[in-house]
Amino acid sequence: MNIYTKTGDAGDTGLLGGNRVSKDHMRIEAYGTLDELNAWLGLIADVFPNQFESDFVRGLQNDVFLLGSHLAAENEKGKSYLNPIRAELLQELESEIDRMTASLPPLRNFILPGGHVVVSQVHIARTVCRRAERMVVRLHHADQVDPLIIQILNRMSDYLFTLARAASVFTKTEEKPWISRV
């Protein structure tokens, strides 16, 4: 199988279901941003200093790939080839947030991303997740999107924020509070 098909050389791409759209179509932007998030999750899983967290993030990669596949499916015919989105993922993310939060210092301020490369990488993934969420919401206003995708992305960004805080603990990095310079 060749990696290149040349079918996108004119600036369009195929959706699951058969139609072709421009590569700058909001549907492509939405699932392309999930692809970017997935790459960041892979990096986080590779470098995170705790195996349990790395394994959980690896699992999330599979879920994010499936979310992107659902966005690439324009109709029921395209979705018929896909596994359903795991609704229980919402509870899994919430459980992980609660588990990590129980061992973190109380959050008293907004915190700035940074302090350690792993912390920064998780914050970048969080912001990419938020961008993906905005793009999926925009797509939802124009076309039908499973609302569960939006809920999962919202919860996943919360999870990534908490994971960044946990990364500060694992790397013995002090969180940097935001201080207004006005």
N, C-alpha and C. Protein backbone atom coordinates (compact mmCIF):
# COMPACT_ATOMS: atom_id res chain seq x y z
N MET A 1 0.84 -1.18 0.00
CA MET A 1 0.00 0.00 0.00
C MET A 1 0.88 1.24 0.00
N ASN A 2 0.67 2.13 -0.93
CA ASN A 2 1.42 3.38 -0.98
C ASN A 2 0.87 4.37 0.04
N ILE A 3 1.74 5.15 0.64
CA ILE A 3 1.31 6.19 1.57
C ILE A 3 0.74 7.38 0.79
N TYR A 4 1.18 7.53 -0.43
CA TYR A 4 0.65 8.64 -1.23
C TYR A 4 -0.36 8.09 -2.24
N THR A 5 -1.47 8.82 -2.34
CA THR A 5 -2.53 8.43 -3.27
C THR A 5 -2.70 9.45 -4.38
N LYS A 6 -2.20 10.66 -4.14
CA LYS A 6 -2.31 11.79 -5.07
C LYS A 6 -3.75 12.31 -5.20
N THR A 7 -4.70 11.71 -4.46
CA THR A 7 -6.09 12.16 -4.58
C THR A 7 -6.32 13.51 -3.90
N GLY A 8 -5.41 13.91 -3.04
CA GLY A 8 -5.55 15.20 -2.37
C GLY A 8 -4.71 16.31 -2.95
N ASP A 9 -4.10 16.04 -4.10
CA ASP A 9 -3.20 17.02 -4.69
C ASP A 9 -3.89 18.32 -5.10
N ALA A 10 -5.20 18.29 -5.26
CA ALA A 10 -5.93 19.50 -5.65
C ALA A 10 -6.48 20.25 -4.44
N GLY A 11 -6.14 19.77 -3.23
CA GLY A 11 -6.56 20.48 -2.02
C GLY A 11 -7.86 19.98 -1.43
N ASP A 12 -8.29 18.79 -1.82
CA ASP A 12 -9.48 18.23 -1.19
C ASP A 12 -9.15 16.85 -0.64
N THR A 13 -10.06 16.33 0.19
CA THR A 13 -9.84 15.03 0.82
C THR A 13 -11.16 14.31 0.98
N GLY A 14 -11.10 13.00 1.13
CA GLY A 14 -12.31 12.21 1.26
C GLY A 14 -12.73 12.03 2.70
N LEU A 15 -14.04 12.02 2.92
CA LEU A 15 -14.61 11.74 4.23
C LEU A 15 -15.09 10.29 4.25
N LEU A 16 -15.20 9.73 5.45
CA LEU A 16 -15.80 8.40 5.58
C LEU A 16 -17.28 8.55 5.22
N GLY A 17 -17.67 7.95 4.17
CA GLY A 17 -19.03 8.09 3.66
C GLY A 17 -19.01 8.41 2.18
N GLY A 18 -17.84 8.87 1.68
CA GLY A 18 -17.68 9.00 0.25
C GLY A 18 -17.48 10.38 -0.31
N ASN A 19 -18.01 11.41 0.30
CA ASN A 19 -17.87 12.76 -0.26
C ASN A 19 -16.46 13.30 -0.08
N ARG A 20 -16.13 14.26 -0.91
CA ARG A 20 -14.85 14.95 -0.81
C ARG A 20 -15.13 16.40 -0.43
N VAL A 21 -14.24 16.95 0.42
CA VAL A 21 -14.36 18.34 0.85
C VAL A 21 -12.97 18.98 0.79
N SER A 22 -12.97 20.29 0.83
CA SER A 22 -11.71 21.04 0.85
C SER A 22 -10.94 20.72 2.13
N LYS A 23 -9.63 20.70 2.01
CA LYS A 23 -8.80 20.40 3.18
C LYS A 23 -8.88 21.48 4.25
N ASP A 24 -9.45 22.64 3.93
CA ASP A 24 -9.64 23.65 4.96
C ASP A 24 -11.09 23.68 5.48
N HIS A 25 -11.87 22.67 5.16
CA HIS A 25 -13.23 22.53 5.67
C HIS A 25 -13.18 22.40 7.19
N MET A 26 -14.17 22.96 7.88
CA MET A 26 -14.15 22.94 9.35
C MET A 26 -14.15 21.51 9.90
N ARG A 27 -14.69 20.55 9.20
CA ARG A 27 -14.65 19.15 9.66
C ARG A 27 -13.21 18.64 9.65
N ILE A 28 -12.47 18.99 8.60
CA ILE A 28 -11.07 18.56 8.49
C ILE A 28 -10.24 19.27 9.55
N GLU A 29 -10.51 20.56 9.77
CA GLU A 29 -9.80 21.31 10.83
C GLU A 29 -10.05 20.67 12.20
N ALA A 30 -11.29 20.23 12.44
CA ALA A 30 -11.62 19.65 13.74
C ALA A 30 -10.89 18.33 13.95
N TYR A 31 -10.99 17.40 12.99
CA TYR A 31 -10.33 16.13 13.26
C TYR A 31 -8.83 16.21 13.05
N GLY A 32 -8.36 17.20 12.28
CA GLY A 32 -6.92 17.42 12.18
C GLY A 32 -6.34 17.91 13.50
N THR A 33 -7.10 18.70 14.22
CA THR A 33 -6.65 19.17 15.53
C THR A 33 -6.64 18.02 16.54
N LEU A 34 -7.56 17.09 16.40
CA LEU A 34 -7.51 15.90 17.25
C LEU A 34 -6.27 15.07 16.93
N ASP A 35 -5.87 15.04 15.67
CA ASP A 35 -4.65 14.35 15.29
C ASP A 35 -3.44 15.02 15.95
N GLU A 36 -3.45 16.34 15.97
CA GLU A 36 -2.37 17.08 16.64
C GLU A 36 -2.37 16.78 18.14
N LEU A 37 -3.55 16.76 18.75
CA LEU A 37 -3.65 16.41 20.17
C LEU A 37 -3.09 15.01 20.41
N ASN A 38 -3.41 14.09 19.51
CA ASN A 38 -2.94 12.72 19.67
C ASN A 38 -1.41 12.65 19.64
N ALA A 39 -0.79 13.45 18.78
CA ALA A 39 0.67 13.48 18.73
C ALA A 39 1.25 14.00 20.05
N TRP A 40 0.63 15.03 20.61
CA TRP A 40 1.09 15.54 21.91
C TRP A 40 0.90 14.50 23.01
N LEU A 41 -0.23 13.79 22.97
CA LEU A 41 -0.45 12.74 23.96
C LEU A 41 0.62 11.66 23.86
N GLY A 42 1.01 11.32 22.63
CA GLY A 42 2.09 10.34 22.46
C GLY A 42 3.38 10.81 23.08
N LEU A 43 3.71 12.08 22.89
CA LEU A 43 4.92 12.63 23.49
C LEU A 43 4.82 12.59 25.02
N ILE A 44 3.68 12.98 25.55
CA ILE A 44 3.50 12.97 27.01
C ILE A 44 3.67 11.55 27.55
N ALA A 45 3.05 10.59 26.88
CA ALA A 45 3.18 9.20 27.34
C ALA A 45 4.63 8.74 27.30
N ASP A 46 5.39 9.23 26.33
CA ASP A 46 6.80 8.85 26.22
C ASP A 46 7.67 9.43 27.33
N VAL A 47 7.33 10.63 27.81
CA VAL A 47 8.23 11.32 28.73
C VAL A 47 7.70 11.45 30.16
N PHE A 48 6.44 11.11 30.39
CA PHE A 48 5.88 11.34 31.73
C PHE A 48 6.61 10.47 32.75
N PRO A 49 6.95 11.03 33.90
CA PRO A 49 7.79 10.31 34.87
C PRO A 49 7.03 9.31 35.75
N ASN A 50 5.86 8.89 35.35
CA ASN A 50 5.09 7.92 36.12
C ASN A 50 4.42 6.96 35.14
N GLN A 51 4.68 5.68 35.28
CA GLN A 51 4.20 4.69 34.31
C GLN A 51 2.68 4.59 34.27
N PHE A 52 2.02 4.68 35.42
CA PHE A 52 0.56 4.60 35.45
C PHE A 52 -0.05 5.71 34.59
N GLU A 53 0.45 6.94 34.78
CA GLU A 53 -0.08 8.06 34.00
C GLU A 53 0.23 7.89 32.52
N SER A 54 1.44 7.42 32.21
CA SER A 54 1.80 7.18 30.81
C SER A 54 0.86 6.17 30.17
N ASP A 55 0.56 5.11 30.88
CA ASP A 55 -0.34 4.08 30.34
C ASP A 55 -1.75 4.63 30.13
N PHE A 56 -2.22 5.45 31.06
CA PHE A 56 -3.56 6.04 30.91
C PHE A 56 -3.59 6.95 29.68
N VAL A 57 -2.55 7.75 29.51
CA VAL A 57 -2.49 8.65 28.35
C VAL A 57 -2.43 7.83 27.05
N ARG A 58 -1.70 6.74 27.03
CA ARG A 58 -1.67 5.86 25.85
C ARG A 58 -3.08 5.37 25.50
N GLY A 59 -3.85 5.02 26.52
CA GLY A 59 -5.23 4.63 26.27
C GLY A 59 -6.05 5.76 25.68
N LEU A 60 -5.82 6.97 26.19
CA LEU A 60 -6.52 8.14 25.65
C LEU A 60 -6.22 8.34 24.16
N GLN A 61 -5.01 8.00 23.74
CA GLN A 61 -4.67 8.15 22.33
C GLN A 61 -5.64 7.35 21.46
N ASN A 62 -5.97 6.15 21.88
CA ASN A 62 -6.92 5.34 21.11
C ASN A 62 -8.30 5.99 21.08
N ASP A 63 -8.72 6.56 22.21
CA ASP A 63 -10.01 7.23 22.27
C ASP A 63 -10.03 8.47 21.38
N VAL A 64 -8.96 9.26 21.40
CA VAL A 64 -8.89 10.46 20.58
C VAL A 64 -8.91 10.09 19.10
N PHE A 65 -8.22 9.02 18.74
CA PHE A 65 -8.24 8.57 17.34
C PHE A 65 -9.67 8.22 16.92
N LEU A 66 -10.40 7.54 17.79
CA LEU A 66 -11.77 7.18 17.48
C LEU A 66 -12.66 8.42 17.36
N LEU A 67 -12.47 9.40 18.25
CA LEU A 67 -13.23 10.65 18.14
C LEU A 67 -12.99 11.29 16.78
N GLY A 68 -11.73 11.34 16.36
CA GLY A 68 -11.41 11.90 15.06
C GLY A 68 -12.06 11.12 13.92
N SER A 69 -12.09 9.82 14.06
CA SER A 69 -12.73 8.99 13.03
C SER A 69 -14.22 9.30 12.94
N HIS A 70 -14.86 9.51 14.08
CA HIS A 70 -16.29 9.86 14.07
C HIS A 70 -16.50 11.22 13.41
N LEU A 71 -15.57 12.14 13.62
CA LEU A 71 -15.69 13.44 12.95
C LEU A 71 -15.45 13.31 11.45
N ALA A 72 -14.63 12.36 11.05
CA ALA A 72 -14.34 12.15 9.62
C ALA A 72 -15.49 11.45 8.91
N ALA A 73 -16.40 10.86 9.67
CA ALA A 73 -17.57 10.17 9.10
C ALA A 73 -18.70 11.18 8.96
N GLU A 74 -19.05 11.46 7.73
CA GLU A 74 -20.04 12.51 7.48
C GLU A 74 -21.48 12.02 7.62
N ASN A 75 -21.69 10.72 7.64
CA ASN A 75 -23.05 10.20 7.68
C ASN A 75 -23.05 8.82 8.35
N GLU A 76 -24.24 8.25 8.47
CA GLU A 76 -24.36 6.95 9.14
C GLU A 76 -23.62 5.85 8.39
N LYS A 77 -23.56 5.95 7.06
CA LYS A 77 -22.82 4.96 6.28
C LYS A 77 -21.35 4.96 6.69
N GLY A 78 -20.77 6.15 6.81
CA GLY A 78 -19.37 6.26 7.23
C GLY A 78 -19.16 5.78 8.65
N LYS A 79 -20.11 6.06 9.53
CA LYS A 79 -19.98 5.67 10.95
C LYS A 79 -20.21 4.18 11.16
N SER A 80 -20.85 3.53 10.19
CA SER A 80 -21.18 2.11 10.37
C SER A 80 -19.93 1.23 10.49
N TYR A 81 -18.80 1.73 10.07
CA TYR A 81 -17.55 0.97 10.14
C TYR A 81 -16.81 1.19 11.46
N LEU A 82 -17.29 2.12 12.26
CA LEU A 82 -16.57 2.55 13.46
C LEU A 82 -17.14 1.93 14.73
N ASN A 83 -16.27 1.75 15.71
CA ASN A 83 -16.74 1.40 17.04
C ASN A 83 -17.46 2.60 17.63
N PRO A 84 -18.41 2.37 18.54
CA PRO A 84 -19.08 3.51 19.18
C PRO A 84 -18.11 4.24 20.11
N ILE A 85 -18.41 5.50 20.33
CA ILE A 85 -17.63 6.29 21.29
C ILE A 85 -17.95 5.78 22.69
N ARG A 86 -16.92 5.60 23.50
CA ARG A 86 -17.09 5.06 24.85
C ARG A 86 -17.62 6.13 25.80
N ALA A 87 -18.90 6.07 26.12
CA ALA A 87 -19.49 7.04 27.04
C ALA A 87 -18.84 6.97 28.42
N GLU A 88 -18.36 5.78 28.79
CA GLU A 88 -17.74 5.63 30.11
C GLU A 88 -16.42 6.40 30.22
N LEU A 89 -15.90 6.87 29.10
CA LEU A 89 -14.66 7.66 29.14
C LEU A 89 -14.84 8.91 30.00
N LEU A 90 -16.03 9.51 29.97
CA LEU A 90 -16.27 10.69 30.82
C LEU A 90 -16.01 10.36 32.28
N GLN A 91 -16.57 9.25 32.76
CA GLN A 91 -16.39 8.86 34.15
C GLN A 91 -14.94 8.50 34.44
N GLU A 92 -14.27 7.85 33.49
CA GLU A 92 -12.86 7.50 33.68
C GLU A 92 -12.01 8.75 33.84
N LEU A 93 -12.27 9.77 33.01
CA LEU A 93 -11.52 11.02 33.12
C LEU A 93 -11.80 11.70 34.46
N GLU A 94 -13.06 11.74 34.86
CA GLU A 94 -13.41 12.35 36.14
C GLU A 94 -12.76 11.60 37.31
N SER A 95 -12.74 10.29 37.23
CA SER A 95 -12.11 9.50 38.30
C SER A 95 -10.62 9.78 38.39
N GLU A 96 -9.97 9.90 37.24
CA GLU A 96 -8.54 10.21 37.23
C GLU A 96 -8.28 11.62 37.75
N ILE A 97 -9.14 12.56 37.38
CA ILE A 97 -9.00 13.93 37.90
C ILE A 97 -9.13 13.91 39.42
N ASP A 98 -10.15 13.24 39.93
CA ASP A 98 -10.37 13.18 41.38
C ASP A 98 -9.21 12.48 42.09
N ARG A 99 -8.72 11.38 41.51
CA ARG A 99 -7.61 10.64 42.12
C ARG A 99 -6.37 11.52 42.22
N MET A 100 -6.03 12.20 41.13
CA MET A 100 -4.83 13.05 41.15
C MET A 100 -5.02 14.25 42.07
N THR A 101 -6.20 14.87 42.02
CA THR A 101 -6.47 16.06 42.82
C THR A 101 -6.32 15.77 44.31
N ALA A 102 -6.68 14.57 44.73
CA ALA A 102 -6.58 14.20 46.15
C ALA A 102 -5.15 14.28 46.67
N SER A 103 -4.16 14.14 45.79
CA SER A 103 -2.77 14.18 46.24
C SER A 103 -2.06 15.48 45.85
N LEU A 104 -2.80 16.44 45.33
CA LEU A 104 -2.20 17.71 44.93
C LEU A 104 -2.47 18.79 45.96
N PRO A 105 -1.59 19.77 46.04
CA PRO A 105 -1.89 20.89 46.94
C PRO A 105 -3.13 21.63 46.44
N PRO A 106 -3.87 22.25 47.35
CA PRO A 106 -5.07 22.98 46.92
C PRO A 106 -4.71 24.06 45.90
N LEU A 107 -5.59 24.26 44.95
CA LEU A 107 -5.38 25.28 43.93
C LEU A 107 -5.92 26.60 44.46
N ARG A 108 -5.02 27.58 44.67
CA ARG A 108 -5.41 28.85 45.25
C ARG A 108 -5.29 30.01 44.27
N ASN A 109 -4.61 29.78 43.17
CA ASN A 109 -4.39 30.81 42.16
C ASN A 109 -4.49 30.18 40.78
N PHE A 110 -4.63 31.04 39.78
CA PHE A 110 -4.37 30.57 38.43
C PHE A 110 -2.88 30.26 38.37
N ILE A 111 -2.52 29.25 37.60
CA ILE A 111 -1.10 28.93 37.48
C ILE A 111 -0.66 29.10 36.04
N LEU A 112 0.61 29.45 35.90
CA LEU A 112 1.19 29.64 34.58
C LEU A 112 1.79 28.32 34.10
N PRO A 113 1.62 28.00 32.83
CA PRO A 113 2.26 26.81 32.29
C PRO A 113 3.78 26.95 32.38
N GLY A 114 4.45 25.87 32.70
CA GLY A 114 5.90 25.90 32.68
C GLY A 114 6.52 25.42 33.97
N GLY A 115 7.83 25.59 34.03
CA GLY A 115 8.62 25.18 35.18
C GLY A 115 9.44 23.93 34.91
N HIS A 116 8.92 23.07 34.06
CA HIS A 116 9.61 21.83 33.67
C HIS A 116 9.08 21.45 32.29
N VAL A 117 9.93 20.86 31.48
CA VAL A 117 9.53 20.55 30.10
C VAL A 117 8.32 19.63 30.06
N VAL A 118 8.20 18.67 30.95
CA VAL A 118 7.03 17.78 30.95
C VAL A 118 5.77 18.56 31.29
N VAL A 119 5.85 19.42 32.29
CA VAL A 119 4.70 20.25 32.67
C VAL A 119 4.26 21.08 31.47
N SER A 120 5.21 21.70 30.81
CA SER A 120 4.90 22.54 29.64
C SER A 120 4.26 21.72 28.52
N GLN A 121 4.77 20.52 28.29
CA GLN A 121 4.22 19.68 27.22
C GLN A 121 2.78 19.30 27.52
N VAL A 122 2.48 18.99 28.77
CA VAL A 122 1.10 18.65 29.11
C VAL A 122 0.20 19.87 28.95
N HIS A 123 0.68 21.04 29.31
CA HIS A 123 -0.12 22.26 29.12
C HIS A 123 -0.34 22.54 27.63
N ILE A 124 0.64 22.27 26.80
CA ILE A 124 0.44 22.44 25.35
C ILE A 124 -0.66 21.50 24.87
N ALA A 125 -0.61 20.25 25.32
CA ALA A 125 -1.67 19.30 24.94
C ALA A 125 -3.03 19.80 25.41
N ARG A 126 -3.08 20.37 26.61
CA ARG A 126 -4.34 20.92 27.13
C ARG A 126 -4.87 22.02 26.23
N THR A 127 -4.00 22.91 25.77
CA THR A 127 -4.47 24.01 24.93
C THR A 127 -4.88 23.51 23.55
N VAL A 128 -4.20 22.49 23.04
CA VAL A 128 -4.61 21.89 21.77
C VAL A 128 -5.97 21.22 21.94
N CYS A 129 -6.18 20.57 23.07
CA CYS A 129 -7.47 19.95 23.36
C CYS A 129 -8.57 21.00 23.40
N ARG A 130 -8.31 22.13 24.03
CA ARG A 130 -9.31 23.22 24.08
C ARG A 130 -9.59 23.75 22.68
N ARG A 131 -8.56 23.87 21.85
CA ARG A 131 -8.77 24.33 20.47
C ARG A 131 -9.61 23.32 19.71
N ALA A 132 -9.33 22.04 19.89
CA ALA A 132 -10.13 21.00 19.24
C ALA A 132 -11.59 21.10 19.69
N GLU A 133 -11.78 21.32 20.97
CA GLU A 133 -13.14 21.47 21.49
C GLU A 133 -13.86 22.64 20.81
N ARG A 134 -13.18 23.79 20.69
CA ARG A 134 -13.79 24.95 20.03
C ARG A 134 -14.14 24.63 18.58
N MET A 135 -13.25 23.92 17.91
CA MET A 135 -13.50 23.60 16.50
C MET A 135 -14.66 22.62 16.36
N VAL A 136 -14.76 21.66 17.26
CA VAL A 136 -15.87 20.72 17.21
C VAL A 136 -17.19 21.43 17.52
N VAL A 137 -17.18 22.36 18.46
CA VAL A 137 -18.39 23.14 18.75
C VAL A 137 -18.78 23.94 17.51
N ARG A 138 -17.82 24.57 16.85
CA ARG A 138 -18.10 25.32 15.63
C ARG A 138 -18.70 24.40 14.57
N LEU A 139 -18.13 23.22 14.41
CA LEU A 139 -18.67 22.25 13.46
C LEU A 139 -20.08 21.84 13.86
N HIS A 140 -20.31 21.65 15.14
CA HIS A 140 -21.62 21.26 15.65
C HIS A 140 -22.69 22.31 15.29
N HIS A 141 -22.32 23.57 15.27
CA HIS A 141 -23.27 24.62 14.89
C HIS A 141 -23.64 24.54 13.41
N ALA A 142 -22.76 23.99 12.61
CA ALA A 142 -23.00 23.91 11.17
C ALA A 142 -23.52 22.54 10.72
N ASP A 143 -23.20 21.50 11.47
CA ASP A 143 -23.53 20.15 11.07
C ASP A 143 -23.67 19.31 12.34
N GLN A 144 -24.34 18.19 12.23
CA GLN A 144 -24.57 17.35 13.40
C GLN A 144 -23.27 16.69 13.86
N VAL A 145 -22.98 16.86 15.15
CA VAL A 145 -21.85 16.21 15.80
C VAL A 145 -22.37 15.56 17.07
N ASP A 146 -21.91 14.39 17.36
CA ASP A 146 -22.31 13.71 18.59
C ASP A 146 -21.90 14.58 19.78
N PRO A 147 -22.85 15.04 20.59
CA PRO A 147 -22.51 15.91 21.73
C PRO A 147 -21.53 15.26 22.72
N LEU A 148 -21.46 13.93 22.72
CA LEU A 148 -20.53 13.23 23.60
C LEU A 148 -19.08 13.61 23.27
N ILE A 149 -18.80 13.88 22.00
CA ILE A 149 -17.44 14.28 21.61
C ILE A 149 -17.07 15.59 22.30
N ILE A 150 -17.99 16.53 22.32
CA ILE A 150 -17.74 17.83 22.96
C ILE A 150 -17.53 17.63 24.47
N GLN A 151 -18.37 16.82 25.09
CA GLN A 151 -18.25 16.56 26.53
C GLN A 151 -16.90 15.92 26.85
N ILE A 152 -16.51 14.95 26.05
CA ILE A 152 -15.23 14.26 26.30
C ILE A 152 -14.07 15.23 26.17
N LEU A 153 -14.08 16.07 25.14
CA LEU A 153 -12.97 17.01 24.96
C LEU A 153 -12.93 18.02 26.10
N ASN A 154 -14.08 18.44 26.58
CA ASN A 154 -14.11 19.36 27.71
C ASN A 154 -13.50 18.71 28.96
N ARG A 155 -13.89 17.47 29.22
CA ARG A 155 -13.37 16.77 30.39
C ARG A 155 -11.90 16.43 30.20
N MET A 156 -11.50 16.10 28.97
CA MET A 156 -10.10 15.74 28.72
C MET A 156 -9.19 16.94 28.97
N SER A 157 -9.64 18.14 28.64
CA SER A 157 -8.79 19.30 28.91
C SER A 157 -8.66 19.52 30.42
N ASP A 158 -9.73 19.26 31.17
CA ASP A 158 -9.64 19.32 32.63
C ASP A 158 -8.66 18.27 33.15
N TYR A 159 -8.74 17.07 32.58
CA TYR A 159 -7.80 16.00 32.96
C TYR A 159 -6.36 16.45 32.68
N LEU A 160 -6.13 17.04 31.52
CA LEU A 160 -4.77 17.45 31.16
C LEU A 160 -4.26 18.57 32.07
N PHE A 161 -5.14 19.48 32.48
CA PHE A 161 -4.75 20.50 33.44
C PHE A 161 -4.29 19.84 34.75
N THR A 162 -5.08 18.88 35.20
CA THR A 162 -4.74 18.17 36.45
C THR A 162 -3.47 17.36 36.28
N LEU A 163 -3.30 16.75 35.10
CA LEU A 163 -2.09 15.98 34.83
C LEU A 163 -0.86 16.90 34.84
N ALA A 164 -1.00 18.12 34.33
CA ALA A 164 0.11 19.07 34.36
C ALA A 164 0.48 19.40 35.81
N ARG A 165 -0.52 19.55 36.65
CA ARG A 165 -0.24 19.80 38.07
C ARG A 165 0.45 18.59 38.70
N ALA A 166 -0.01 17.39 38.34
CA ALA A 166 0.63 16.18 38.86
C ALA A 166 2.07 16.08 38.35
N ALA A 167 2.29 16.50 37.12
CA ALA A 167 3.66 16.49 36.56
C ALA A 167 4.57 17.39 37.38
N SER A 168 4.04 18.50 37.88
CA SER A 168 4.83 19.38 38.74
C SER A 168 5.26 18.64 40.00
N VAL A 169 4.37 17.87 40.56
CA VAL A 169 4.70 17.10 41.77
C VAL A 169 5.74 16.04 41.44
N PHE A 170 5.51 15.27 40.38
CA PHE A 170 6.43 14.18 40.02
C PHE A 170 7.83 14.70 39.70
N THR A 171 7.90 15.90 39.12
CA THR A 171 9.21 16.45 38.74
C THR A 171 9.77 17.39 39.81
N LYS A 172 9.05 17.48 40.93
CA LYS A 172 9.47 18.36 42.04
C LYS A 172 9.65 19.81 41.56
N THR A 173 8.69 20.25 40.77
CA THR A 173 8.70 21.60 40.20
C THR A 173 7.63 22.43 40.89
N GLU A 174 8.00 23.59 41.36
CA GLU A 174 7.04 24.47 42.00
C GLU A 174 6.14 25.10 40.95
N GLU A 175 4.81 25.06 41.21
CA GLU A 175 3.87 25.71 40.29
C GLU A 175 4.09 27.22 40.35
N LYS A 176 3.94 27.85 39.21
CA LYS A 176 4.14 29.29 39.11
C LYS A 176 2.77 29.99 39.10
N PRO A 177 2.41 30.67 40.19
CA PRO A 177 1.12 31.34 40.21
C PRO A 177 1.11 32.56 39.28
N TRP A 178 -0.04 32.81 38.71
CA TRP A 178 -0.21 34.01 37.89
C TRP A 178 -0.32 35.21 38.83
N ILE A 179 0.46 36.23 38.53
CA ILE A 179 0.44 37.48 39.31
C ILE A 179 0.20 38.60 38.33
N SER A 180 -0.89 39.33 38.52
CA SER A 180 -1.20 40.44 37.62
C SER A 180 -0.13 41.52 37.74
N ARG A 181 0.31 42.01 36.61
CA ARG A 181 1.39 43.02 36.60
C ARG A 181 0.83 44.42 36.49
N VAL A 182 -0.44 44.58 36.78
CA VAL A 182 -1.05 45.91 36.70
C VAL A 182 -0.97 46.61 38.02
